[in-house]
Protein backbone atom coordinates (compact mmCIF):
# COMPACT_ATOMS: atom_id res chain seq x y z
CA UNK A 1 7.35 13.76 -2.59
CA UNK A 2 3.96 14.99 -0.94
CA UNK A 3 3.69 14.47 3.11
CA UNK A 4 2.11 11.19 2.91
CA UNK A 5 4.84 9.57 0.72
CA UNK A 6 7.58 11.19 3.05
CA UNK A 7 5.67 9.28 5.94
CA UNK A 8 5.88 6.02 4.31
CA UNK A 9 9.62 6.64 3.53
CA UNK A 10 10.18 7.55 7.37
CA UNK A 11 8.43 4.68 8.34
CA UNK A 12 10.61 2.23 5.74
CA UNK A 13 13.69 3.82 7.37
CA UNK A 14 12.67 3.32 11.05
CA UNK A 15 11.90 -0.19 10.33
CA UNK A 16 15.23 -0.37 8.33
CA UNK A 17 13.68 -1.87 5.49
CA UNK A 18 15.92 -1.75 2.24
CA UNK A 19 14.96 -4.04 -0.03
CA UNK A 20 11.60 -5.19 -1.94
CA UNK A 21 8.92 -6.79 -1.18
CA UNK A 22 8.33 -4.76 1.91
CA UNK A 23 6.75 -6.63 4.45
CA UNK A 24 3.58 -4.69 5.31
CA UNK A 25 2.19 -7.42 7.70
CA UNK A 26 5.34 -7.03 10.08
CA UNK A 27 4.84 -3.37 9.70
CA UNK A 28 1.30 -3.15 10.64
CA UNK A 29 2.22 -5.34 13.46
CA UNK A 30 5.01 -3.06 14.78
CA UNK A 31 2.46 -0.43 14.61
CA UNK A 32 0.34 -2.46 17.28
CA UNK A 33 -2.16 -3.44 14.77
CA UNK A 34 -3.77 -7.08 14.38
CA UNK A 35 -4.57 -8.15 10.86
CA UNK A 36 -7.65 -10.32 10.49
CA UNK A 37 -8.30 -11.89 7.00
CA UNK A 38 -11.70 -12.60 6.06
CA UNK A 39 -13.92 -12.88 3.02
CA UNK A 40 -16.44 -9.96 2.72
CA UNK A 41 -19.91 -10.66 3.55
CA UNK A 42 -22.58 -10.99 1.03
CA UNK A 43 -23.21 -7.43 -0.72
CA UNK A 44 -19.75 -6.00 0.66
CA UNK A 45 -17.48 -7.73 -2.09
CA UNK A 46 -16.34 -4.48 -3.36
CA UNK A 47 -14.88 -4.02 0.38
CA UNK A 48 -11.03 -4.50 0.20
CA UNK A 49 -10.28 -3.97 3.97
CA UNK A 50 -10.91 -1.67 7.08
CA UNK A 51 -9.49 0.21 9.92
CA UNK A 52 -10.56 -0.26 13.42
CA UNK A 53 -8.99 1.73 16.01
CA UNK A 54 -10.25 2.33 19.48
CA UNK A 55 -8.26 3.45 22.69
CA UNK A 56 -7.13 -0.29 23.30
CA UNK A 57 -7.01 -1.92 19.69
CA UNK A 58 -6.15 -1.67 16.37
CA UNK A 59 -7.49 -3.83 13.96
CA UNK A 60 -6.81 -4.00 10.10
CA UNK A 61 -9.46 -6.19 8.41
CA UNK A 62 -8.49 -7.66 5.01
CA UNK A 63 -10.89 -9.33 2.25
CA UNK A 64 -9.35 -12.67 1.87
CA UNK A 65 -11.22 -13.33 -1.13
CA UNK A 66 -8.91 -10.65 -2.89
CA UNK A 67 -5.83 -11.55 -4.60
CA UNK A 68 -2.83 -11.58 -2.58
CA UNK A 69 -1.56 -8.46 -4.44
CA UNK A 70 -5.06 -6.61 -3.64
CA UNK A 71 -4.31 -7.77 0.09
CA UNK A 72 -0.94 -6.32 0.55
CA UNK A 73 -2.24 -3.02 -1.17
CA UNK A 74 -5.17 -3.10 1.52
CA UNK A 75 -2.87 -3.69 4.39
CA UNK A 76 -0.60 -0.77 3.28
CA UNK A 77 -3.57 1.71 2.74
CA UNK A 78 -4.97 0.81 6.23
CA UNK A 79 -1.30 1.54 7.60
CA UNK A 80 -1.54 4.76 5.93
CA UNK A 81 -4.96 5.76 7.80
CA UNK A 82 -2.99 4.48 10.97
CA UNK A 83 -0.22 6.53 10.29
CA UNK A 84 -1.36 9.72 8.65
CA UNK A 85 -4.98 10.30 10.18
CA UNK A 86 -4.40 10.19 14.08
CA UNK A 87 -6.61 12.93 14.89
CA UNK A 88 -9.45 10.79 14.06
CA UNK A 89 -9.08 8.46 17.00
CA UNK A 90 -11.72 9.26 19.23
CA UNK A 91 -11.31 8.29 23.18
CA UNK A 92 -14.64 6.34 23.61
CA UNK A 93 -15.84 5.77 20.26
CA UNK A 94 -13.73 3.71 17.62
CA UNK A 95 -12.99 5.01 14.00
CA UNK A 96 -13.87 2.56 11.22
CA UNK A 97 -12.50 3.04 7.71
CA UNK A 98 -13.80 0.88 5.13
CA UNK A 99 -11.49 0.53 1.75
CA UNK A 100 -14.26 -0.04 -0.89
CA UNK A 101 -14.57 0.72 -4.88
CA UNK A 102 -14.97 4.38 -4.15
CA UNK A 103 -11.60 4.81 -2.36
CA UNK A 104 -9.61 4.98 -5.71
CA UNK A 105 -11.82 7.42 -6.89
CA UNK A 106 -9.73 10.19 -5.55
CA UNK A 107 -12.91 12.44 -4.27
CA UNK A 108 -11.74 12.10 -0.58
CA UNK A 109 -8.47 13.50 0.54
CA UNK A 110 -7.88 10.99 3.24
CA UNK A 111 -8.37 8.20 0.60
CA UNK A 112 -6.06 9.97 -1.81
CA UNK A 113 -3.39 10.42 1.00
CA UNK A 114 -3.75 6.63 2.04
CA UNK A 115 -3.35 5.61 -1.48
CA UNK A 116 -0.30 7.84 -1.78
CA UNK A 117 0.93 6.20 1.32
CA UNK A 118 0.48 2.79 0.22
CA UNK A 119 2.15 3.45 -3.06
CA UNK A 120 5.35 4.83 -1.55
CA UNK A 121 5.43 1.88 1.05
CA UNK A 122 4.80 -0.95 -1.55
CA UNK A 123 7.10 0.42 -4.22
CA UNK A 124 9.33 3.02 -2.54
CA UNK A 125 10.97 5.40 -5.24
CA UNK A 126 14.59 4.73 -4.18
CA UNK A 127 14.15 1.11 -4.21
CA UNK A 128 12.25 1.47 -7.90
CA UNK A 129 15.48 3.38 -9.27
CA UNK A 130 17.86 0.18 -8.01
CA UNK A 131 15.51 -1.97 -9.57
CA UNK A 132 14.78 -0.46 -12.72
CA UNK A 133 18.95 0.44 -13.17
CA UNK A 134 19.35 -3.28 -12.51
CA UNK A 135 16.89 -4.47 -15.20
CA UNK A 136 18.42 -2.45 -17.49
CA UNK A 137 21.93 -3.50 -16.74
CA UNK A 138 20.33 -6.95 -17.54
CA UNK A 139 19.51 -5.74 -20.89
CA UNK A 140 15.82 -6.06 -19.79
CA UNK A 141 14.36 -3.33 -21.87
CA UNK A 142 10.92 -4.15 -23.01
CA UNK A 143 7.95 -2.56 -20.99
CA UNK A 144 5.86 -5.94 -20.61
CA UNK A 145 8.87 -7.52 -19.11
CA UNK A 146 9.81 -4.76 -16.82
CA UNK A 147 6.53 -4.31 -15.33
CA UNK A 148 6.26 -8.40 -14.83
CA UNK A 149 9.64 -8.48 -13.31
CA UNK A 150 8.75 -5.59 -11.02
CA UNK A 151 5.33 -7.01 -10.01
CA UNK A 152 7.14 -10.35 -8.90
CA UNK A 153 9.90 -8.22 -7.03
CA UNK A 154 7.52 -6.10 -5.28
CA UNK A 155 4.61 -8.55 -4.78
CA UNK A 156 2.16 -6.08 -6.47
CA UNK A 157 -0.19 -6.31 -9.37
CA UNK A 158 1.25 -5.25 -12.70
CA UNK A 159 -1.47 -2.51 -12.98
CA UNK A 160 -0.14 -1.47 -9.88
CA UNK A 161 3.59 -1.07 -11.13
CA UNK A 162 2.13 0.86 -14.25
CA UNK A 163 0.27 3.36 -12.23
CA UNK A 164 3.47 3.89 -9.97
CA UNK A 165 5.83 4.16 -12.83
CA UNK A 166 3.41 6.87 -14.57
CA UNK A 167 3.18 8.59 -11.40
CA UNK A 168 6.47 9.01 -10.88
CA UNK A 169 7.01 10.11 -14.36
CA UNK A 170 8.88 6.91 -15.57
CA UNK A 171 8.18 6.23 -19.37
CA UNK A 172 9.02 2.68 -20.43
CA UNK A 173 9.90 2.00 -23.95
CA UNK A 174 7.23 0.84 -26.13
């Protein structure tokens, strides 16, 4: 588990969250962030969200035109920036971080860290192990079914479930 994932785990423990789905909006608010949902402006459709931080205000902006699963990931990602990248806050000048199509390309360390944080926050390893055990005990063993059930349980996209499972080295039956 890398440092950003450890920070997500600590946050879940501090908030005493023990089961999915993780209430990302509640977490953001507990950290002092106000969440604003709004569709992106023309020409900015690929912007998923942003973090605005100044000395007296923190706002997480979320593109409301995106699917609910995408919005939850965006909130978790911006919480990652908020928790992990404290050093970027300037006293007089606010810091703005946009989440867009380039954020997932693994070319910016801060974006990579925020993505890892978001993955652990939304689908924590410990929770996932319990969920998989439960599915196997219920004799649910087909990959497609497992991914779909986890997607519903965690309120994330099936693609995120697949990514998380691969990233953790969990191989599903064909």
